[in-house]
Structure formats: C-alpha cells, structure tokens
C-alpha atoms as a PDB file:
ATOM      1  CA  MET A   1      92.365 110.328 134.689  1.00  0.00           C
ATOM      2  CA  PRO A   2      95.561 108.574 133.522  1.00  0.00           C
ATOM      3  CA  ASN A   3      95.898 106.950 130.110  1.00  0.00           C
ATOM      4  CA  TYR A   4      97.290 103.452 129.697  1.00  0.00           C
ATOM      5  CA  ILE A   5      98.661 101.843 126.566  1.00  0.00           C
ATOM      6  CA  LEU A   6      97.791  98.205 125.989  1.00  0.00           C
ATOM      7  CA  LEU A   7     100.464  96.657 123.752  1.00  0.00           C
ATOM      8  CA  LEU A   8      99.098  93.552 122.056  1.00  0.00           C
ATOM      9  CA  HIS A   9     101.842  90.920 121.759  1.00  0.00           C
ATOM     10  CA  HIS A  10     101.497  87.682 119.826  1.00  0.00           C
ATOM     11  CA  GLU A  11     103.740  84.938 118.563  1.00  0.00           C
ATOM     12  CA  GLU A  12     104.165  85.549 114.839  1.00  0.00           C
ATOM     13  CA  ARG A  13     104.558  81.886 113.955  1.00  0.00           C
ATOM     14  CA  ALA A  14     101.635  80.701 116.074  1.00  0.00           C
ATOM     15  CA  ARG A  15      99.017  82.531 113.993  1.00  0.00           C
ATOM     16  CA  PRO A  16      96.475  80.083 112.608  1.00  0.00           C
ATOM     17  CA  GLU A  17      95.228  80.282 109.045  1.00  0.00           C
ATOM     18  CA  MET A  18      91.818  81.916 109.076  1.00  0.00           C
ATOM     19  CA  SER A  19      89.125  82.203 106.447  1.00  0.00           C
ATOM     20  CA  PRO A  20      87.856  85.678 105.484  1.00  0.00           C
ATOM     21  CA  ASP A  21      84.684  85.002 107.528  1.00  0.00           C
ATOM     22  CA  GLU A  22      86.755  84.030 110.578  1.00  0.00           C
ATOM     23  CA  ILE A  23      88.885  87.161 110.213  1.00  0.00           C
ATOM     24  CA  GLN A  24      85.765  89.329 109.984  1.00  0.00           C
ATOM     25  CA  ALA A  25      84.293  87.658 113.085  1.00  0.00           C
ATOM     26  CA  MET A  26      87.556  88.286 114.958  1.00  0.00           C
ATOM     27  CA  ILE A  27      87.573  91.961 113.929  1.00  0.00           C
ATOM     28  CA  GLN A  28      83.993  92.321 115.141  1.00  0.00           C
ATOM     29  CA  LYS A  29      84.997  90.943 118.567  1.00  0.00           C
ATOM     30  CA  TYR A  30      87.696  93.607 118.864  1.00  0.00           C
ATOM     31  CA  VAL A  31      85.274  96.347 117.751  1.00  0.00           C
ATOM     32  CA  ALA A  32      82.657  95.201 120.275  1.00  0.00           C
ATOM     33  CA  TRP A  33      85.253  95.094 123.061  1.00  0.00           C
ATOM     34  CA  ARG A  34      86.533  98.566 122.166  1.00  0.00           C
ATOM     35  CA  ASN A  35      82.981  99.946 122.177  1.00  0.00           C
ATOM     36  CA  LYS A  36      82.263  98.335 125.559  1.00  0.00           C
ATOM     37  CA  VAL A  37      85.456  99.678 127.139  1.00  0.00           C
ATOM     38  CA  GLY A  38      84.931 103.090 125.547  1.00  0.00           C
ATOM     39  CA  ASN A  39      81.514 103.549 127.142  1.00  0.00           C
ATOM     40  CA  GLY A  40      82.075 106.815 129.005  1.00  0.00           C
ATOM     41  CA  ARG A  41      85.864 106.904 128.711  1.00  0.00           C
ATOM     42  CA  ALA A  42      88.400 107.770 126.024  1.00  0.00           C
ATOM     43  CA  VAL A  43      89.709 104.797 124.071  1.00  0.00           C
ATOM     44  CA  SER A  44      91.582 104.442 120.785  1.00  0.00           C
ATOM     45  CA  GLY A  45      93.082 101.446 119.067  1.00  0.00           C
ATOM     46  CA  HIS A  46      95.302 100.646 116.141  1.00  0.00           C
ATOM     47  CA  LYS A  47      96.281  97.469 114.272  1.00  0.00           C
ATOM     48  CA  LEU A  48      99.895  97.436 113.126  1.00  0.00           C
ATOM     49  CA  ARG A  49     100.932  96.037 109.752  1.00  0.00           C
ATOM     50  CA  ASN A  50     102.318  92.526 109.942  1.00  0.00           C
ATOM     51  CA  SER A  51     106.068  92.025 109.414  1.00  0.00           C
ATOM     52  CA  GLU A  52     106.743  95.564 108.275  1.00  0.00           C
ATOM     53  CA  GLY A  53     108.596  98.379 109.977  1.00  0.00           C
ATOM     54  CA  ARG A  54     111.982  99.809 110.892  1.00  0.00           C
ATOM     55  CA  VAL A  55     114.139  99.647 113.997  1.00  0.00           C
ATOM     56  CA  MET A  56     116.377 102.631 114.754  1.00  0.00           C
ATOM     57  CA  ARG A  57     119.285 102.532 117.185  1.00  0.00           C
ATOM     58  CA  GLY A  58     121.558 105.343 118.256  1.00  0.00           C
ATOM     59  CA  SER A  59     125.206 104.407 118.550  1.00  0.00           C
ATOM     60  CA  GLY A  60     128.334 106.521 118.870  1.00  0.00           C
ATOM     61  CA  GLY A  61     126.591 109.686 117.719  1.00  0.00           C
ATOM     62  CA  GLY A  62     125.107 108.008 114.648  1.00  0.00           C
ATOM     63  CA  VAL A  63     121.832 106.298 113.872  1.00  0.00           C
ATOM     64  CA  ALA A  64     121.465 102.826 112.395  1.00  0.00           C
ATOM     65  CA  VAL A  65     118.202 101.958 110.645  1.00  0.00           C
ATOM     66  CA  LYS A  66     117.316  98.317 109.981  1.00  0.00           C
ATOM     67  CA  ASP A  67     114.256  96.532 108.693  1.00  0.00           C
ATOM     68  CA  GLY A  68     112.060  95.121 111.426  1.00  0.00           C
ATOM     69  CA  PRO A  69     110.390  93.645 113.262  1.00  0.00           C
ATOM     70  CA  TYR A  70     112.446  90.598 112.515  1.00  0.00           C
ATOM     71  CA  ALA A  71     110.772  87.458 111.216  1.00  0.00           C
ATOM     72  CA  GLU A  72     112.842  85.399 113.635  1.00  0.00           C
ATOM     73  CA  ALA A  73     111.481  87.350 116.601  1.00  0.00           C
ATOM     74  CA  ARG A  74     109.373  85.141 118.811  1.00  0.00           C
ATOM     75  CA  GLU A  75     106.858  87.812 119.774  1.00  0.00           C
ATOM     76  CA  VAL A  76     105.761  90.903 117.902  1.00  0.00           C
ATOM     77  CA  ILE A  77     103.465  93.787 118.773  1.00  0.00           C
ATOM     78  CA  GLY A  78     100.455  93.494 116.494  1.00  0.00           C
ATOM     79  CA  GLY A  79      98.474  96.462 117.737  1.00  0.00           C
ATOM     80  CA  LEU A  80      97.670  98.751 120.623  1.00  0.00           C
ATOM     81  CA  PHE A  81      94.874 100.403 122.524  1.00  0.00           C
ATOM     82  CA  ILE A  82      94.991 103.521 124.661  1.00  0.00           C
ATOM     83  CA  VAL A  83      92.410 103.641 127.446  1.00  0.00           C
ATOM     84  CA  GLU A  84      91.550 105.921 130.321  1.00  0.00           C
ATOM     85  CA  ALA A  85      91.639 104.208 133.701  1.00  0.00           C
ATOM     86  CA  GLY A  86      92.082 105.364 137.273  1.00  0.00           C
ATOM     87  CA  THR A  87      94.727 102.777 138.208  1.00  0.00           C
ATOM     88  CA  TYR A  88      96.693  99.840 136.822  1.00  0.00           C
ATOM     89  CA  GLU A  89      94.169  97.549 138.503  1.00  0.00           C
ATOM     90  CA  GLU A  90      91.320  99.208 136.612  1.00  0.00           C
ATOM     91  CA  ALA A  91      93.253  98.951 133.335  1.00  0.00           C
ATOM     92  CA  VAL A  92      93.775  95.230 134.020  1.00  0.00           C
ATOM     93  CA  GLU A  93      90.062  94.714 134.717  1.00  0.00           C
ATOM     94  CA  LEU A  94      89.126  96.569 131.519  1.00  0.00           C
ATOM     95  CA  SER A  95      91.522  94.339 129.561  1.00  0.00           C
ATOM     96  CA  ARG A  96      90.513  91.041 131.141  1.00  0.00           C
ATOM     97  CA  ASP A  97      87.992  90.185 128.398  1.00  0.00           C
ATOM     98  CA  CYS A  98      89.916  91.645 125.464  1.00  0.00           C
ATOM     99  CA  PRO A  99      89.654  89.229 122.517  1.00  0.00           C
ATOM    100  CA  HIS A 100      93.435  89.299 122.128  1.00  0.00           C
ATOM    101  CA  LEU A 101      93.726  86.991 125.141  1.00  0.00           C
ATOM    102  CA  GLU A 102      91.171  84.612 123.600  1.00  0.00           C
ATOM    103  CA  TYR A 103      93.462  84.256 120.571  1.00  0.00           C
ATOM    104  CA  GLY A 104      96.508  83.355 122.696  1.00  0.00           C
ATOM    105  CA  GLY A 105      98.093  86.811 122.787  1.00  0.00           C
ATOM    106  CA  ALA A 106      99.569  88.746 125.682  1.00  0.00           C
ATOM    107  CA  ILE A 107      98.775  92.318 126.726  1.00  0.00           C
ATOM    108  CA  GLU A 108     101.446  94.585 128.179  1.00  0.00           C
ATOM    109  CA  ILE A 109      99.902  97.495 130.108  1.00  0.00           C
ATOM    110  CA  ARG A 110     101.914 100.683 130.663  1.00  0.00           C
ATOM    111  CA  GLU A 111     100.823 104.028 132.065  1.00  0.00           C
ATOM    112  CA  ILE A 112     101.445 106.945 129.729  1.00  0.00           C
ATOM    113  CA  GLN A 113     103.334 109.681 131.519  1.00  0.00           C
ATOM    114  CA  PRO A 114     101.518 113.009 131.244  1.00  0.00           C
ATOM    115  CA  THR A 115     103.361 115.777 129.441  1.00  0.00           C
END
C-alpha cells in the first residue's frame, strides 16, 4: 500500500495565543486523530520546531546555506504525518477530520515514491 505525506501548513502570524491548558487540549486532539487513523495502518507524525531551520540551495556548483524558514514567509510547514492509504482519495478522507484543519491550517498531500 502506498505511503502519503501530509504536510501541515499554517500561517505563522495567524497563530492565536493559547494557554498551557489549551495547548495540551490541542495536542490531545492530534494524538487522538493519529491513533484513529493508525488503527490497522502505518502512521507516523512529527511536529517541527517553530521558526528554526536552514534552507540550502545549489547554485553554480556551490551550495548556499541560509537561516530559515523566514519570518516574513506567509505560510510555514509546522509538522507532518506519513500514512498508508490505497489512493489519494483515501488519504484525503483520512485527513478530512485532522485537527489541523480545525485550527485554520492547510494540508498538502503527496504520495511518497517507493524506492
């Protein structure tokens, strides 16, 4: 069965201030969703650190490394899931109730090419 990556996009500046209890409740929604989707299929997920990373670009035989993602970027990738699904349509249906959408985010779904 193919694997699909779900890239969780959100607008960096649109993030509301949340109390520790609200953050914990949000985390629990993601955990519950992951457990539901993972029932009988492989699933993994990862939260990415906010506003920290590097961007590498090859140019003219060299490599440029810059800090990123950029604070002025409108959207950033905040995390990802990898799920098993038979088709894109199934991956979409599995993702339809992901809490990320509840919080105003977008999910980009891409099939992972087998090696």
